[in-house]
Amino acid sequence: IPFSNAVKEYFIAHPDANDPRKYMTPGKEAMKQVVIHKINVCGSANRI
């Protein structure tokens, strides 16, 4: 859901965008933040 919300927000701000390298970046960043949060919540940060 965070991925699609970030991509939707990008398209609202840039309605003429058609380059996946540009509109996928906010979605990937949003998912990165979700994964970081989940790792911290599970207590798995800095573990190998």
PDB file of N, CA and C in Angstrom:
ATOM      1  N   ILE A   1       0.821  -1.192   0.000  1.00  0.00           N
ATOM      2  CA  ILE A   1       0.000   0.000   0.000  1.00  0.00           C
ATOM      3  C   ILE A   1       0.870   1.263   0.000  1.00  0.00           C
ATOM      4  N   PRO A   2       1.944   1.336   0.795  1.00  0.00           N
ATOM      5  CA  PRO A   2       2.780   2.542   0.751  1.00  0.00           C
ATOM      6  C   PRO A   2       3.376   2.777  -0.636  1.00  0.00           C
ATOM      7  N   PHE A   3       3.726   1.669  -1.326  1.00  0.00           N
ATOM      8  CA  PHE A   3       4.285   1.806  -2.668  1.00  0.00           C
ATOM      9  C   PHE A   3       3.285   2.474  -3.603  1.00  0.00           C
ATOM     10  N   SER A   4       2.077   1.951  -3.644  1.00  0.00           N
ATOM     11  CA  SER A   4       1.074   2.494  -4.567  1.00  0.00           C
ATOM     12  C   SER A   4       0.669   3.911  -4.182  1.00  0.00           C
ATOM     13  N   ASN A   5       0.606   4.202  -2.887  1.00  0.00           N
ATOM     14  CA  ASN A   5       0.274   5.568  -2.464  1.00  0.00           C
ATOM     15  C   ASN A   5       1.337   6.558  -2.911  1.00  0.00           C
ATOM     16  N   ALA A   6       2.606   6.187  -2.793  1.00  0.00           N
ATOM     17  CA  ALA A   6       3.687   7.081  -3.209  1.00  0.00           C
ATOM     18  C   ALA A   6       3.658   7.308  -4.719  1.00  0.00           C
ATOM     19  N   VAL A   7       3.382   6.247  -5.478  1.00  0.00           N
ATOM     20  CA  VAL A   7       3.313   6.386  -6.939  1.00  0.00           C
ATOM     21  C   VAL A   7       2.115   7.253  -7.331  1.00  0.00           C
ATOM     22  N   LYS A   8       0.976   7.062  -6.667  1.00  0.00           N
ATOM     23  CA  LYS A   8      -0.204   7.893  -6.945  1.00  0.00           C
ATOM     24  C   LYS A   8       0.088   9.361  -6.667  1.00  0.00           C
ATOM     25  N   GLU A   9       0.749   9.632  -5.533  1.00  0.00           N
ATOM     26  CA  GLU A   9       1.091  11.015  -5.198  1.00  0.00           C
ATOM     27  C   GLU A   9       2.023  11.617  -6.241  1.00  0.00           C
ATOM     28  N   TYR A  10       2.966  10.811  -6.750  1.00  0.00           N
ATOM     29  CA  TYR A  10       3.878  11.296  -7.783  1.00  0.00           C
ATOM     30  C   TYR A  10       3.096  11.679  -9.041  1.00  0.00           C
ATOM     31  N   PHE A  11       2.154  10.830  -9.434  1.00  0.00           N
ATOM     32  CA  PHE A  11       1.375  11.124 -10.639  1.00  0.00           C
ATOM     33  C   PHE A  11       0.444  12.316 -10.452  1.00  0.00           C
ATOM     34  N   ILE A  12      -0.019  12.546  -9.240  1.00  0.00           N
ATOM     35  CA  ILE A  12      -0.826  13.739  -8.984  1.00  0.00           C
ATOM     36  C   ILE A  12       0.029  14.987  -9.169  1.00  0.00           C
ATOM     37  N   ALA A  13       1.265  14.930  -8.680  1.00  0.00           N
ATOM     38  CA  ALA A  13       2.175  16.074  -8.797  1.00  0.00           C
ATOM     39  C   ALA A  13       2.748  16.215 -10.205  1.00  0.00           C
ATOM     40  N   HIS A  14       2.881  15.089 -10.926  1.00  0.00           N
ATOM     41  CA  HIS A  14       3.474  15.089 -12.271  1.00  0.00           C
ATOM     42  C   HIS A  14       2.564  14.317 -13.226  1.00  0.00           C
ATOM     43  N   PRO A  15       1.458  14.901 -13.650  1.00  0.00           N
ATOM     44  CA  PRO A  15       0.489  14.157 -14.475  1.00  0.00           C
ATOM     45  C   PRO A  15       1.011  13.718 -15.845  1.00  0.00           C
ATOM     46  N   ASP A  16       2.048  14.359 -16.357  1.00  0.00           N
ATOM     47  CA  ASP A  16       2.566  13.994 -17.675  1.00  0.00           C
ATOM     48  C   ASP A  16       3.729  13.004 -17.609  1.00  0.00           C
ATOM     49  N   ALA A  17       4.060  12.514 -16.442  1.00  0.00           N
ATOM     50  CA  ALA A  17       5.203  11.612 -16.279  1.00  0.00           C
ATOM     51  C   ALA A  17       4.941  10.284 -16.977  1.00  0.00           C
ATOM     52  N   ASN A  18       5.995   9.759 -17.621  1.00  0.00           N
ATOM     53  CA  ASN A  18       5.868   8.455 -18.267  1.00  0.00           C
ATOM     54  C   ASN A  18       7.162   7.644 -18.190  1.00  0.00           C
ATOM     55  N   ASP A  19       8.131   8.105 -17.407  1.00  0.00           N
ATOM     56  CA  ASP A  19       9.405   7.412 -17.256  1.00  0.00           C
ATOM     57  C   ASP A  19       9.386   6.586 -15.967  1.00  0.00           C
ATOM     58  N   PRO A  20       9.395   5.259 -16.076  1.00  0.00           N
ATOM     59  CA  PRO A  20       9.313   4.431 -14.872  1.00  0.00           C
ATOM     60  C   PRO A  20      10.467   4.660 -13.901  1.00  0.00           C
ATOM     61  N   ARG A  21      11.612   5.094 -14.406  1.00  0.00           N
ATOM     62  CA  ARG A  21      12.731   5.373 -13.498  1.00  0.00           C
ATOM     63  C   ARG A  21      12.398   6.513 -12.557  1.00  0.00           C
ATOM     64  N   LYS A  22      11.553   7.419 -13.000  1.00  0.00           N
ATOM     65  CA  LYS A  22      11.178   8.571 -12.174  1.00  0.00           C
ATOM     66  C   LYS A  22      10.009   8.244 -11.255  1.00  0.00           C
ATOM     67  N   TYR A  23       8.952   7.605 -11.773  1.00  0.00           N
ATOM     68  CA  TYR A  23       7.766   7.407 -10.932  1.00  0.00           C
ATOM     69  C   TYR A  23       7.869   6.192 -10.013  1.00  0.00           C
ATOM     70  N   MET A  24       8.805   5.289 -10.270  1.00  0.00           N
ATOM     71  CA  MET A  24       8.987   4.149  -9.376  1.00  0.00           C
ATOM     72  C   MET A  24       9.845   4.498  -8.160  1.00  0.00           C
ATOM     73  N   THR A  25      10.677   5.518  -8.265  1.00  0.00           N
ATOM     74  CA  THR A  25      11.581   5.886  -7.173  1.00  0.00           C
ATOM     75  C   THR A  25      10.844   6.220  -5.881  1.00  0.00           C
ATOM     76  N   PRO A  26       9.797   7.057  -5.893  1.00  0.00           N
ATOM     77  CA  PRO A  26       9.096   7.324  -4.632  1.00  0.00           C
ATOM     78  C   PRO A  26       8.471   6.060  -4.031  1.00  0.00           C
ATOM     79  N   GLY A  27       7.996   5.172  -4.863  1.00  0.00           N
ATOM     80  CA  GLY A  27       7.414   3.925  -4.375  1.00  0.00           C
ATOM     81  C   GLY A  27       8.453   3.037  -3.713  1.00  0.00           C
ATOM     82  N   LYS A  28       9.628   2.948  -4.340  1.00  0.00           N
ATOM     83  CA  LYS A  28      10.700   2.146  -3.754  1.00  0.00           C
ATOM     84  C   LYS A  28      11.169   2.745  -2.437  1.00  0.00           C
ATOM     85  N   GLU A  29      11.245   4.072  -2.359  1.00  0.00           N
ATOM     86  CA  GLU A  29      11.641   4.735  -1.109  1.00  0.00           C
ATOM     87  C   GLU A  29      10.625   4.471  -0.008  1.00  0.00           C
ATOM     88  N   ALA A  30       9.351   4.517  -0.348  1.00  0.00           N
ATOM     89  CA  ALA A  30       8.302   4.256   0.642  1.00  0.00           C
ATOM     90  C   ALA A  30       8.415   2.829   1.172  1.00  0.00           C
ATOM     91  N   MET A  31       8.656   1.869   0.284  1.00  0.00           N
ATOM     92  CA  MET A  31       8.802   0.481   0.724  1.00  0.00           C
ATOM     93  C   MET A  31      10.061   0.295   1.550  1.00  0.00           C
ATOM     94  N   LYS A  32      11.106   1.009   1.204  1.00  0.00           N
ATOM     95  CA  LYS A  32      12.344   0.941   1.979  1.00  0.00           C
ATOM     96  C   LYS A  32      12.091   1.363   3.421  1.00  0.00           C
ATOM     97  N   GLN A  33      11.308   2.423   3.602  1.00  0.00           N
ATOM     98  CA  GLN A  33      10.991   2.896   4.947  1.00  0.00           C
ATOM     99  C   GLN A  33      10.143   1.878   5.708  1.00  0.00           C
ATOM    100  N   VAL A  34       9.231   1.210   5.024  1.00  0.00           N
ATOM    101  CA  VAL A  34       8.404   0.179   5.664  1.00  0.00           C
ATOM    102  C   VAL A  34       9.288  -0.977   6.131  1.00  0.00           C
ATOM    103  N   VAL A  35      10.203  -1.407   5.282  1.00  0.00           N
ATOM    104  CA  VAL A  35      11.083  -2.522   5.630  1.00  0.00           C
ATOM    105  C   VAL A  35      11.974  -2.146   6.810  1.00  0.00           C
ATOM    106  N   ILE A  36      12.529  -0.939   6.803  1.00  0.00           N
ATOM    107  CA  ILE A  36      13.356  -0.479   7.923  1.00  0.00           C
ATOM    108  C   ILE A  36      12.545  -0.489   9.211  1.00  0.00           C
ATOM    109  N   HIS A  37      11.319  -0.012   9.150  1.00  0.00           N
ATOM    110  CA  HIS A  37      10.459   0.005  10.332  1.00  0.00           C
ATOM    111  C   HIS A  37      10.190  -1.416  10.835  1.00  0.00           C
ATOM    112  N   LYS A  38       9.860  -2.323   9.922  1.00  0.00           N
ATOM    113  CA  LYS A  38       9.563  -3.706  10.318  1.00  0.00           C
ATOM    114  C   LYS A  38      10.791  -4.384  10.930  1.00  0.00           C
ATOM    115  N   ILE A  39      11.966  -4.132  10.379  1.00  0.00           N
ATOM    116  CA  ILE A  39      13.200  -4.699  10.931  1.00  0.00           C
ATOM    117  C   ILE A  39      13.405  -4.205  12.357  1.00  0.00           C
ATOM    118  N   ASN A  40      13.181  -2.913  12.584  1.00  0.00           N
ATOM    119  CA  ASN A  40      13.347  -2.356  13.925  1.00  0.00           C
ATOM    120  C   ASN A  40      12.292  -2.882  14.887  1.00  0.00           C
ATOM    121  N   VAL A  41      11.049  -2.997  14.443  1.00  0.00           N
ATOM    122  CA  VAL A  41       9.969  -3.498  15.299  1.00  0.00           C
ATOM    123  C   VAL A  41      10.241  -4.941  15.728  1.00  0.00           C
ATOM    124  N   CYS A  42      10.773  -5.736  14.827  1.00  0.00           N
ATOM    125  CA  CYS A  42      11.041  -7.142  15.132  1.00  0.00           C
ATOM    126  C   CYS A  42      12.339  -7.339  15.908  1.00  0.00           C
ATOM    127  N   GLY A  43      13.073  -6.267  16.141  1.00  0.00           N
ATOM    128  CA  GLY A  43      14.326  -6.375  16.877  1.00  0.00           C
ATOM    129  C   GLY A  43      15.437  -7.027  16.082  1.00  0.00           C
ATOM    130  N   SER A  44      15.379  -6.925  14.781  1.00  0.00           N
ATOM    131  CA  SER A  44      16.370  -7.567  13.927  1.00  0.00           C
ATOM    132  C   SER A  44      17.426  -6.608  13.400  1.00  0.00           C
ATOM    133  N   ALA A  45      17.426  -5.378  13.860  1.00  0.00           N
ATOM    134  CA  ALA A  45      18.402  -4.403  13.380  1.00  0.00           C
ATOM    135  C   ALA A  45      19.804  -4.815  13.824  1.00  0.00           C
ATOM    136  N   ASN A  46      20.762  -4.654  12.931  1.00  0.00           N
ATOM    137  CA  ASN A  46      22.179  -4.938  13.194  1.00  0.00           C
ATOM    138  C   ASN A  46      22.433  -6.397  13.566  1.00  0.00           C
ATOM    139  N   ARG A  47      21.658  -7.298  13.033  1.00  0.00           N
ATOM    140  CA  ARG A  47      21.861  -8.731  13.270  1.00  0.00           C
ATOM    141  C   ARG A  47      22.220  -9.407  11.956  1.00  0.00           C
ATOM    142  N   ILE A  48      23.051 -10.378  12.058  1.00  0.00           N
ATOM    143  CA  ILE A  48      23.465 -11.116  10.861  1.00  0.00           C
ATOM    144  C   ILE A  48      22.878 -12.502  10.898  1.00  0.00           C
TER     145      ILE A  48
END
